[in-house]
Amino acid sequence: MAEYIPPQGVGRGAHLPNIQATYIDLHRLLAIFLASKEFADRIEEAQGHAAELGNPLFRLQECEADEISRILLSLAVTARAVDDAHDRIFELAAGPCGTLCRNVERPDDTTDLELREACNKIIHANHWHFDMEENASGRSYLTPTMYIYGSSQGGRGWKAILDVVEFAKQYVNTVAAMRGVAR
């Protein structure tokens, strides 16, 4: 049996992303956060009232957290693969996309959350919370900020505050540039 190397795949490294598919995931991620208030505004039933369970928009809004989790994990793994393939170029090219507290027992000791570290925190998170606000009717909706929690190998707890919009911008500027298609 002979190994086949397709001509269109020559020079492509392992596990490098389809940038258009990555853009679609980033668009979906931002769209979920940015549409959350619109969904909340269109649900007429009182929050917590049994009637809201029958509202189709409420039922659709319930899937936000699962889809955000799926997209973030996929994006984080993809970005790490690109960064590893390019000798950790993100350290030079990517800017901050949030704030990192390496020790939750010292909450005032923070640093910028860089793209690679944000991806690490997403991959290794124990849990996360969303930032919520309320509309004029008192219904909660997501804002594009996430609080990601985990612990280091030594057991020390950490907290990352992810600015989802800045994460998407840094991702596009850095990951796309590494693939040679920066716009």
N, C-alpha and C. Protein backbone atom coordinates (compact mmCIF):
# COMPACT_ATOMS: atom_id res chain seq x y z
N MET A 1 0.85 -1.16 0.00
CA MET A 1 0.00 0.00 0.00
C MET A 1 0.90 1.24 0.00
N ALA A 2 0.55 2.22 -0.82
CA ALA A 2 1.34 3.44 -0.93
C ALA A 2 0.62 4.61 -0.27
N GLU A 3 1.39 5.45 0.36
CA GLU A 3 0.82 6.64 0.98
C GLU A 3 0.45 7.64 -0.11
N TYR A 4 -0.74 8.18 -0.02
CA TYR A 4 -1.20 9.15 -1.00
C TYR A 4 -1.18 10.54 -0.37
N ILE A 5 -0.51 11.46 -1.00
CA ILE A 5 -0.49 12.85 -0.55
C ILE A 5 -1.17 13.67 -1.64
N PRO A 6 -2.37 14.16 -1.38
CA PRO A 6 -3.10 14.91 -2.40
C PRO A 6 -2.38 16.20 -2.76
N PRO A 7 -2.36 16.55 -4.04
CA PRO A 7 -1.64 17.75 -4.47
C PRO A 7 -2.16 19.03 -3.81
N GLN A 8 -3.45 19.12 -3.56
CA GLN A 8 -3.98 20.32 -2.94
C GLN A 8 -3.64 20.42 -1.46
N GLY A 9 -3.14 19.35 -0.87
CA GLY A 9 -2.80 19.35 0.55
C GLY A 9 -1.32 19.55 0.81
N VAL A 10 -0.52 19.67 -0.25
CA VAL A 10 0.92 19.82 -0.09
C VAL A 10 1.22 21.09 0.69
N GLY A 11 2.07 20.98 1.69
CA GLY A 11 2.47 22.12 2.49
C GLY A 11 1.53 22.45 3.64
N ARG A 12 0.44 21.77 3.73
CA ARG A 12 -0.50 22.02 4.82
C ARG A 12 -0.09 21.21 6.04
N GLY A 13 0.00 21.86 7.18
CA GLY A 13 0.36 21.17 8.41
C GLY A 13 -0.83 20.42 8.99
N ALA A 14 -0.56 19.66 9.98
CA ALA A 14 -1.62 18.89 10.64
C ALA A 14 -2.56 19.81 11.41
N HIS A 15 -3.82 19.51 11.37
CA HIS A 15 -4.85 20.15 12.19
C HIS A 15 -4.94 21.66 12.02
N LEU A 16 -4.66 22.16 10.83
CA LEU A 16 -4.83 23.59 10.62
C LEU A 16 -6.25 23.85 10.15
N PRO A 17 -6.85 24.92 10.60
CA PRO A 17 -8.28 25.12 10.40
C PRO A 17 -8.66 25.58 9.01
N ASN A 18 -9.90 25.32 8.69
CA ASN A 18 -10.55 25.95 7.56
C ASN A 18 -10.99 27.31 8.09
N ILE A 19 -10.36 28.37 7.62
CA ILE A 19 -10.60 29.69 8.18
C ILE A 19 -12.05 30.13 8.02
N GLN A 20 -12.66 29.82 6.89
CA GLN A 20 -14.06 30.23 6.71
C GLN A 20 -14.96 29.56 7.75
N ALA A 21 -14.72 28.30 8.05
CA ALA A 21 -15.51 27.61 9.08
C ALA A 21 -15.27 28.25 10.45
N THR A 22 -14.04 28.67 10.69
CA THR A 22 -13.71 29.33 11.95
C THR A 22 -14.42 30.68 12.04
N TYR A 23 -14.44 31.42 10.94
CA TYR A 23 -15.17 32.70 10.92
C TYR A 23 -16.65 32.48 11.22
N ILE A 24 -17.22 31.42 10.66
CA ILE A 24 -18.63 31.13 10.91
C ILE A 24 -18.86 30.85 12.39
N ASP A 25 -17.96 30.08 13.02
CA ASP A 25 -18.09 29.81 14.45
C ASP A 25 -17.98 31.10 15.27
N LEU A 26 -17.04 31.97 14.90
CA LEU A 26 -16.89 33.24 15.62
C LEU A 26 -18.14 34.10 15.44
N HIS A 27 -18.68 34.11 14.23
CA HIS A 27 -19.90 34.88 13.98
C HIS A 27 -21.05 34.34 14.83
N ARG A 28 -21.19 33.03 14.86
CA ARG A 28 -22.25 32.42 15.68
C ARG A 28 -22.07 32.76 17.16
N LEU A 29 -20.83 32.69 17.63
CA LEU A 29 -20.56 33.00 19.03
C LEU A 29 -21.00 34.43 19.36
N LEU A 30 -20.56 35.38 18.55
CA LEU A 30 -20.93 36.77 18.80
C LEU A 30 -22.43 36.98 18.63
N ALA A 31 -23.01 36.34 17.62
CA ALA A 31 -24.45 36.50 17.37
C ALA A 31 -25.28 36.03 18.56
N ILE A 32 -24.86 34.97 19.21
CA ILE A 32 -25.59 34.48 20.38
C ILE A 32 -25.61 35.55 21.47
N PHE A 33 -24.44 36.10 21.76
CA PHE A 33 -24.36 37.11 22.81
C PHE A 33 -25.11 38.38 22.42
N LEU A 34 -24.91 38.83 21.19
CA LEU A 34 -25.51 40.09 20.78
C LEU A 34 -27.01 39.99 20.55
N ALA A 35 -27.52 38.80 20.27
CA ALA A 35 -28.96 38.60 20.07
C ALA A 35 -29.69 38.29 21.37
N SER A 36 -28.98 37.99 22.42
CA SER A 36 -29.62 37.56 23.66
C SER A 36 -30.61 38.60 24.19
N LYS A 37 -30.25 39.87 24.14
CA LYS A 37 -31.16 40.92 24.61
C LYS A 37 -32.40 40.99 23.73
N GLU A 38 -32.22 40.85 22.44
CA GLU A 38 -33.36 40.88 21.52
C GLU A 38 -34.34 39.75 21.83
N PHE A 39 -33.81 38.56 22.07
CA PHE A 39 -34.67 37.44 22.47
C PHE A 39 -35.42 37.80 23.75
N ALA A 40 -34.69 38.30 24.74
CA ALA A 40 -35.31 38.64 26.03
C ALA A 40 -36.41 39.69 25.84
N ASP A 41 -36.17 40.67 24.98
CA ASP A 41 -37.16 41.72 24.74
C ASP A 41 -38.43 41.19 24.08
N ARG A 42 -38.32 40.11 23.34
CA ARG A 42 -39.47 39.58 22.60
C ARG A 42 -40.27 38.53 23.37
N ILE A 43 -39.78 38.14 24.54
CA ILE A 43 -40.51 37.17 25.37
C ILE A 43 -41.42 37.96 26.31
N GLU A 44 -42.71 37.81 26.12
CA GLU A 44 -43.68 38.63 26.87
C GLU A 44 -44.00 38.08 28.25
N GLU A 45 -43.90 36.78 28.44
CA GLU A 45 -44.26 36.19 29.73
C GLU A 45 -43.26 36.62 30.81
N ALA A 46 -43.72 36.70 32.04
CA ALA A 46 -42.85 37.09 33.15
C ALA A 46 -41.78 36.03 33.37
N GLN A 47 -40.57 36.50 33.69
CA GLN A 47 -39.47 35.57 33.95
C GLN A 47 -39.81 34.71 35.16
N GLY A 48 -39.65 33.40 35.00
CA GLY A 48 -39.93 32.46 36.08
C GLY A 48 -41.37 31.98 36.11
N HIS A 49 -42.23 32.59 35.31
CA HIS A 49 -43.64 32.17 35.25
C HIS A 49 -43.73 30.92 34.39
N ALA A 50 -44.61 30.00 34.77
CA ALA A 50 -44.75 28.74 34.03
C ALA A 50 -45.10 28.96 32.56
N ALA A 51 -45.75 30.07 32.24
CA ALA A 51 -46.15 30.34 30.85
C ALA A 51 -44.94 30.53 29.93
N GLU A 52 -43.82 30.98 30.48
CA GLU A 52 -42.66 31.20 29.61
C GLU A 52 -42.16 29.89 29.00
N LEU A 53 -42.42 28.77 29.65
CA LEU A 53 -41.97 27.48 29.13
C LEU A 53 -42.61 27.15 27.79
N GLY A 54 -43.78 27.72 27.52
CA GLY A 54 -44.45 27.49 26.25
C GLY A 54 -44.05 28.46 25.16
N ASN A 55 -43.26 29.45 25.51
CA ASN A 55 -42.85 30.44 24.51
C ASN A 55 -41.71 29.88 23.67
N PRO A 56 -41.89 29.82 22.34
CA PRO A 56 -40.84 29.25 21.49
C PRO A 56 -39.51 30.01 21.56
N LEU A 57 -39.57 31.33 21.73
CA LEU A 57 -38.32 32.10 21.84
C LEU A 57 -37.59 31.77 23.13
N PHE A 58 -38.34 31.56 24.20
CA PHE A 58 -37.72 31.15 25.46
C PHE A 58 -37.01 29.82 25.29
N ARG A 59 -37.68 28.88 24.63
CA ARG A 59 -37.08 27.55 24.42
C ARG A 59 -35.83 27.65 23.55
N LEU A 60 -35.86 28.52 22.55
CA LEU A 60 -34.67 28.69 21.72
C LEU A 60 -33.54 29.35 22.51
N GLN A 61 -33.88 30.30 23.34
CA GLN A 61 -32.86 31.00 24.13
C GLN A 61 -32.19 30.06 25.13
N GLU A 62 -32.90 29.02 25.54
CA GLU A 62 -32.33 28.06 26.49
C GLU A 62 -31.10 27.35 25.95
N CYS A 63 -30.92 27.30 24.64
CA CYS A 63 -29.77 26.57 24.07
C CYS A 63 -28.52 27.44 23.99
N GLU A 64 -28.59 28.70 24.41
CA GLU A 64 -27.43 29.59 24.30
C GLU A 64 -26.19 29.01 24.98
N ALA A 65 -26.31 28.60 26.22
CA ALA A 65 -25.14 28.16 26.99
C ALA A 65 -24.47 26.95 26.37
N ASP A 66 -25.25 25.97 25.93
CA ASP A 66 -24.65 24.77 25.32
C ASP A 66 -23.93 25.10 24.02
N GLU A 67 -24.51 25.97 23.22
CA GLU A 67 -23.88 26.32 21.95
C GLU A 67 -22.63 27.16 22.17
N ILE A 68 -22.66 28.06 23.13
CA ILE A 68 -21.47 28.85 23.47
C ILE A 68 -20.35 27.92 23.91
N SER A 69 -20.65 26.95 24.75
CA SER A 69 -19.66 26.00 25.23
C SER A 69 -19.04 25.22 24.07
N ARG A 70 -19.88 24.71 23.18
CA ARG A 70 -19.40 23.93 22.04
C ARG A 70 -18.48 24.78 21.15
N ILE A 71 -18.92 25.99 20.84
CA ILE A 71 -18.14 26.85 19.95
C ILE A 71 -16.82 27.26 20.60
N LEU A 72 -16.86 27.69 21.85
CA LEU A 72 -15.63 28.13 22.52
C LEU A 72 -14.60 27.01 22.60
N LEU A 73 -15.03 25.82 22.94
CA LEU A 73 -14.09 24.70 23.03
C LEU A 73 -13.47 24.41 21.67
N SER A 74 -14.27 24.39 20.63
CA SER A 74 -13.76 24.14 19.28
C SER A 74 -12.77 25.23 18.86
N LEU A 75 -13.12 26.49 19.11
CA LEU A 75 -12.23 27.59 18.75
C LEU A 75 -10.93 27.54 19.54
N ALA A 76 -11.01 27.23 20.83
CA ALA A 76 -9.82 27.18 21.67
C ALA A 76 -8.85 26.10 21.21
N VAL A 77 -9.36 24.93 20.91
CA VAL A 77 -8.50 23.83 20.45
C VAL A 77 -7.88 24.19 19.10
N THR A 78 -8.67 24.77 18.22
CA THR A 78 -8.16 25.16 16.90
C THR A 78 -7.06 26.20 17.03
N ALA A 79 -7.28 27.22 17.84
CA ALA A 79 -6.27 28.26 18.02
C ALA A 79 -4.98 27.69 18.59
N ARG A 80 -5.09 26.81 19.55
CA ARG A 80 -3.89 26.18 20.12
C ARG A 80 -3.13 25.40 19.07
N ALA A 81 -3.84 24.69 18.19
CA ALA A 81 -3.18 23.92 17.13
C ALA A 81 -2.43 24.86 16.19
N VAL A 82 -3.05 25.98 15.84
CA VAL A 82 -2.39 26.96 14.96
C VAL A 82 -1.18 27.54 15.66
N ASP A 83 -1.32 27.93 16.91
CA ASP A 83 -0.20 28.52 17.65
C ASP A 83 0.95 27.54 17.79
N ASP A 84 0.64 26.29 18.11
CA ASP A 84 1.69 25.27 18.22
C ASP A 84 2.39 25.04 16.89
N ALA A 85 1.63 25.07 15.79
CA ALA A 85 2.22 24.86 14.46
C ALA A 85 3.12 26.02 14.05
N HIS A 86 2.92 27.18 14.66
CA HIS A 86 3.71 28.36 14.31
C HIS A 86 4.61 28.80 15.47
N ASP A 87 5.10 27.84 16.23
CA ASP A 87 6.06 28.10 17.30
C ASP A 87 5.62 29.19 18.28
N ARG A 88 4.35 29.10 18.68
CA ARG A 88 3.77 30.00 19.69
C ARG A 88 3.88 31.47 19.31
N ILE A 89 3.52 31.76 18.08
CA ILE A 89 3.58 33.12 17.55
C ILE A 89 2.58 34.05 18.23
N PHE A 90 1.55 33.50 18.87
CA PHE A 90 0.54 34.34 19.51
C PHE A 90 1.15 35.28 20.54
N GLU A 91 2.24 34.84 21.17
CA GLU A 91 2.89 35.68 22.18
C GLU A 91 3.34 37.01 21.58
N LEU A 92 3.67 36.99 20.28
CA LEU A 92 4.11 38.21 19.60
C LEU A 92 2.97 38.94 18.92
N ALA A 93 1.98 38.20 18.42
CA ALA A 93 0.97 38.79 17.55
C ALA A 93 -0.36 39.12 18.21
N ALA A 94 -0.75 38.39 19.23
CA ALA A 94 -2.09 38.57 19.79
C ALA A 94 -2.09 39.53 20.97
N GLY A 95 -3.16 40.28 21.07
CA GLY A 95 -3.33 41.19 22.19
C GLY A 95 -4.24 40.59 23.24
N PRO A 96 -4.50 41.35 24.30
CA PRO A 96 -5.34 40.83 25.39
C PRO A 96 -6.82 40.76 25.00
N CYS A 97 -7.52 39.83 25.65
CA CYS A 97 -8.96 39.67 25.41
C CYS A 97 -9.69 39.45 26.74
N GLY A 98 -9.10 39.98 27.79
CA GLY A 98 -9.73 39.86 29.10
C GLY A 98 -8.73 40.07 30.21
N THR A 99 -9.10 39.58 31.39
CA THR A 99 -8.29 39.74 32.59
C THR A 99 -8.12 38.38 33.25
N LEU A 100 -6.93 38.13 33.78
CA LEU A 100 -6.65 36.87 34.45
C LEU A 100 -6.23 37.12 35.89
N CYS A 101 -6.86 36.39 36.79
CA CYS A 101 -6.46 36.36 38.19
C CYS A 101 -5.92 34.95 38.43
N ARG A 102 -4.60 34.84 38.58
CA ARG A 102 -3.98 33.52 38.71
C ARG A 102 -4.26 32.86 40.06
N ASN A 103 -4.67 33.64 41.03
CA ASN A 103 -4.96 33.11 42.37
C ASN A 103 -6.22 33.81 42.90
N VAL A 104 -7.33 33.09 42.97
CA VAL A 104 -8.59 33.70 43.41
C VAL A 104 -8.54 34.20 44.85
N GLU A 105 -7.55 33.76 45.61
CA GLU A 105 -7.40 34.26 46.97
C GLU A 105 -6.76 35.64 46.99
N ARG A 106 -6.24 36.08 45.84
CA ARG A 106 -5.67 37.42 45.69
C ARG A 106 -6.36 38.09 44.49
N PRO A 107 -7.63 38.44 44.61
CA PRO A 107 -8.40 38.93 43.48
C PRO A 107 -7.92 40.24 42.88
N ASP A 108 -7.15 41.02 43.63
CA ASP A 108 -6.65 42.28 43.08
C ASP A 108 -5.38 42.10 42.26
N ASP A 109 -4.78 40.94 42.31
CA ASP A 109 -3.55 40.64 41.57
C ASP A 109 -3.94 40.06 40.21
N THR A 110 -4.10 40.93 39.22
CA THR A 110 -4.56 40.49 37.90
C THR A 110 -3.56 40.88 36.82
N THR A 111 -3.71 40.25 35.68
CA THR A 111 -2.89 40.54 34.51
C THR A 111 -3.77 40.43 33.27
N ASP A 112 -3.26 40.89 32.15
CA ASP A 112 -4.00 40.75 30.90
C ASP A 112 -4.15 39.28 30.54
N LEU A 113 -5.29 38.93 30.00
CA LEU A 113 -5.56 37.59 29.50
C LEU A 113 -5.27 37.59 28.00
N GLU A 114 -4.15 36.98 27.62
CA GLU A 114 -3.77 36.92 26.20
C GLU A 114 -4.52 35.78 25.52
N LEU A 115 -4.54 35.80 24.19
CA LEU A 115 -5.34 34.85 23.42
C LEU A 115 -4.99 33.39 23.74
N ARG A 116 -3.71 33.04 23.73
CA ARG A 116 -3.34 31.64 24.00
C ARG A 116 -3.78 31.23 25.41
N GLU A 117 -3.55 32.11 26.37
CA GLU A 117 -3.94 31.78 27.75
C GLU A 117 -5.46 31.69 27.87
N ALA A 118 -6.18 32.52 27.14
CA ALA A 118 -7.64 32.42 27.14
C ALA A 118 -8.07 31.05 26.62
N CYS A 119 -7.41 30.60 25.56
CA CYS A 119 -7.72 29.27 25.01
C CYS A 119 -7.40 28.18 26.03
N ASN A 120 -6.27 28.30 26.70
CA ASN A 120 -5.92 27.33 27.75
C ASN A 120 -6.99 27.30 28.84
N LYS A 121 -7.43 28.47 29.26
CA LYS A 121 -8.42 28.54 30.34
C LYS A 121 -9.76 27.96 29.88
N ILE A 122 -10.14 28.20 28.64
CA ILE A 122 -11.38 27.62 28.11
C ILE A 122 -11.28 26.10 28.12
N ILE A 123 -10.16 25.57 27.66
CA ILE A 123 -9.97 24.11 27.58
C ILE A 123 -9.96 23.47 28.96
N HIS A 124 -9.33 24.12 29.92
CA HIS A 124 -9.13 23.52 31.25
C HIS A 124 -10.12 24.02 32.31
N ALA A 125 -11.15 24.71 31.91
CA ALA A 125 -12.12 25.27 32.87
C ALA A 125 -12.85 24.18 33.64
N ASN A 126 -13.04 24.42 34.92
CA ASN A 126 -13.90 23.57 35.74
C ASN A 126 -15.36 23.97 35.56
N HIS A 127 -15.57 25.28 35.45
CA HIS A 127 -16.92 25.81 35.22
C HIS A 127 -16.80 27.27 34.78
N TRP A 128 -17.91 27.80 34.28
CA TRP A 128 -17.95 29.22 33.96
C TRP A 128 -19.33 29.78 34.19
N HIS A 129 -19.34 31.10 34.31
CA HIS A 129 -20.59 31.83 34.49
C HIS A 129 -20.67 32.89 33.40
N PHE A 130 -21.89 33.26 33.10
CA PHE A 130 -22.11 34.33 32.14
C PHE A 130 -22.40 35.63 32.87
N ASP A 131 -22.09 36.73 32.23
CA ASP A 131 -22.47 38.03 32.74
C ASP A 131 -23.89 38.30 32.25
N MET A 132 -24.76 38.69 33.15
CA MET A 132 -26.17 38.90 32.81
C MET A 132 -26.59 40.31 33.17
N GLU A 133 -27.51 40.83 32.38
CA GLU A 133 -28.18 42.08 32.70
C GLU A 133 -29.67 41.84 32.55
N GLU A 134 -30.46 42.80 32.97
CA GLU A 134 -31.91 42.69 32.84
C GLU A 134 -32.44 43.79 31.94
N ASN A 135 -33.42 43.43 31.10
CA ASN A 135 -34.05 44.43 30.25
C ASN A 135 -35.10 45.20 31.06
N ALA A 136 -35.83 46.09 30.41
CA ALA A 136 -36.82 46.93 31.09
C ALA A 136 -37.93 46.10 31.75
N SER A 137 -38.17 44.90 31.25
CA SER A 137 -39.21 44.03 31.82
C SER A 137 -38.67 43.13 32.93
N GLY A 138 -37.38 43.24 33.24
CA GLY A 138 -36.79 42.42 34.28
C GLY A 138 -36.34 41.04 33.82
N ARG A 139 -36.31 40.82 32.51
CA ARG A 139 -35.88 39.53 31.96
C ARG A 139 -34.37 39.57 31.74
N SER A 140 -33.69 38.51 32.16
CA SER A 140 -32.23 38.41 32.04
C SER A 140 -31.80 38.07 30.62
N TYR A 141 -30.63 38.61 30.24
CA TYR A 141 -30.02 38.27 28.96
C TYR A 141 -28.50 38.30 29.12
N LEU A 142 -27.82 37.63 28.22
CA LEU A 142 -26.36 37.55 28.26
C LEU A 142 -25.71 38.83 27.76
N THR A 143 -24.59 39.20 28.37
CA THR A 143 -23.71 40.21 27.81
C THR A 143 -22.44 39.48 27.38
N PRO A 144 -21.63 40.06 26.49
CA PRO A 144 -20.47 39.33 25.97
C PRO A 144 -19.26 39.31 26.91
N THR A 145 -19.50 38.90 28.13
CA THR A 145 -18.43 38.72 29.12
C THR A 145 -18.67 37.38 29.81
N MET A 146 -17.60 36.63 29.99
CA MET A 146 -17.70 35.33 30.69
C MET A 146 -16.69 35.28 31.82
N TYR A 147 -17.07 34.58 32.87
CA TYR A 147 -16.20 34.36 34.03
C TYR A 147 -15.86 32.87 34.04
N ILE A 148 -14.59 32.57 33.81
CA ILE A 148 -14.14 31.19 33.64
C ILE A 148 -13.29 30.82 34.85
N TYR A 149 -13.57 29.66 35.44
CA TYR A 149 -12.89 29.24 36.67
C TYR A 149 -12.23 27.88 36.49
N GLY A 150 -11.11 27.70 37.17
CA GLY A 150 -10.44 26.42 37.19
C GLY A 150 -9.39 26.42 38.27
N SER A 151 -8.54 25.41 38.24
CA SER A 151 -7.45 25.35 39.22
C SER A 151 -6.19 24.87 38.53
N SER A 152 -5.06 25.39 39.03
CA SER A 152 -3.76 25.01 38.49
C SER A 152 -3.40 23.62 38.98
N GLN A 153 -2.31 23.08 38.46
CA GLN A 153 -1.89 21.74 38.87
C GLN A 153 -1.61 21.66 40.36
N GLY A 154 -1.23 22.78 40.96
CA GLY A 154 -0.99 22.82 42.40
C GLY A 154 -2.26 22.99 43.21
N GLY A 155 -3.40 23.08 42.55
CA GLY A 155 -4.67 23.19 43.24
C GLY A 155 -5.12 24.62 43.51
N ARG A 156 -4.32 25.60 43.13
CA ARG A 156 -4.68 27.00 43.35
C ARG A 156 -5.75 27.41 42.34
N GLY A 157 -6.82 28.01 42.81
CA GLY A 157 -7.90 28.43 41.93
C GLY A 157 -7.55 29.68 41.13
N TRP A 158 -8.00 29.73 39.90
CA TRP A 158 -7.82 30.90 39.05
C TRP A 158 -9.17 31.33 38.48
N LYS A 159 -9.20 32.57 38.00
CA LYS A 159 -10.40 33.12 37.38
C LYS A 159 -9.98 33.95 36.18
N ALA A 160 -10.63 33.70 35.05
CA ALA A 160 -10.39 34.49 33.85
C ALA A 160 -11.68 35.20 33.48
N ILE A 161 -11.58 36.49 33.21
CA ILE A 161 -12.74 37.25 32.73
C ILE A 161 -12.51 37.48 31.25
N LEU A 162 -13.33 36.81 30.44
CA LEU A 162 -13.17 36.83 28.98
C LEU A 162 -14.10 37.86 28.36
N ASP A 163 -13.51 38.81 27.63
CA ASP A 163 -14.27 39.75 26.81
C ASP A 163 -14.48 39.05 25.47
N VAL A 164 -15.68 38.55 25.25
CA VAL A 164 -15.95 37.69 24.09
C VAL A 164 -15.76 38.44 22.78
N VAL A 165 -16.14 39.71 22.72
CA VAL A 165 -15.96 40.49 21.49
C VAL A 165 -14.47 40.65 21.19
N GLU A 166 -13.69 40.99 22.20
CA GLU A 166 -12.24 41.16 21.99
C GLU A 166 -11.59 39.82 21.65
N PHE A 167 -12.05 38.74 22.27
CA PHE A 167 -11.56 37.40 21.94
C PHE A 167 -11.77 37.13 20.45
N ALA A 168 -12.95 37.43 19.94
CA ALA A 168 -13.24 37.19 18.52
C ALA A 168 -12.36 38.05 17.63
N LYS A 169 -12.15 39.31 18.00
CA LYS A 169 -11.31 40.20 17.19
C LYS A 169 -9.85 39.73 17.18
N GLN A 170 -9.33 39.39 18.36
CA GLN A 170 -7.95 38.90 18.43
C GLN A 170 -7.80 37.59 17.67
N TYR A 171 -8.80 36.75 17.76
CA TYR A 171 -8.78 35.45 17.08
C TYR A 171 -8.70 35.65 15.56
N VAL A 172 -9.58 36.50 15.04
CA VAL A 172 -9.58 36.75 13.59
C VAL A 172 -8.24 37.34 13.15
N ASN A 173 -7.76 38.35 13.86
CA ASN A 173 -6.51 39.01 13.48
C ASN A 173 -5.30 38.09 13.58
N THR A 174 -5.29 37.20 14.55
CA THR A 174 -4.12 36.36 14.78
C THR A 174 -4.18 35.03 14.05
N VAL A 175 -5.25 34.28 14.25
CA VAL A 175 -5.34 32.95 13.64
C VAL A 175 -5.40 33.07 12.12
N ALA A 176 -6.18 34.02 11.61
CA ALA A 176 -6.27 34.20 10.16
C ALA A 176 -4.92 34.63 9.59
N ALA A 177 -4.21 35.49 10.31
CA ALA A 177 -2.90 35.93 9.83
C ALA A 177 -1.92 34.76 9.75
N MET A 178 -2.01 33.85 10.71
CA MET A 178 -1.12 32.69 10.70
C MET A 178 -1.42 31.77 9.52
N ARG A 179 -2.64 31.82 9.03
CA ARG A 179 -3.02 31.00 7.88
C ARG A 179 -2.82 31.75 6.58
N GLY A 180 -2.30 32.99 6.67
CA GLY A 180 -1.99 33.74 5.46
C GLY A 180 -3.19 34.35 4.76
N VAL A 181 -4.28 34.56 5.49
CA VAL A 181 -5.46 35.13 4.85
C VAL A 181 -5.99 36.34 5.62
N ALA A 182 -5.11 37.05 6.29
CA ALA A 182 -5.57 38.21 7.05
C ALA A 182 -6.17 39.23 6.09
N ARG A 183 -7.24 39.87 6.55
CA ARG A 183 -7.91 40.86 5.71
C ARG A 183 -7.83 42.21 6.33
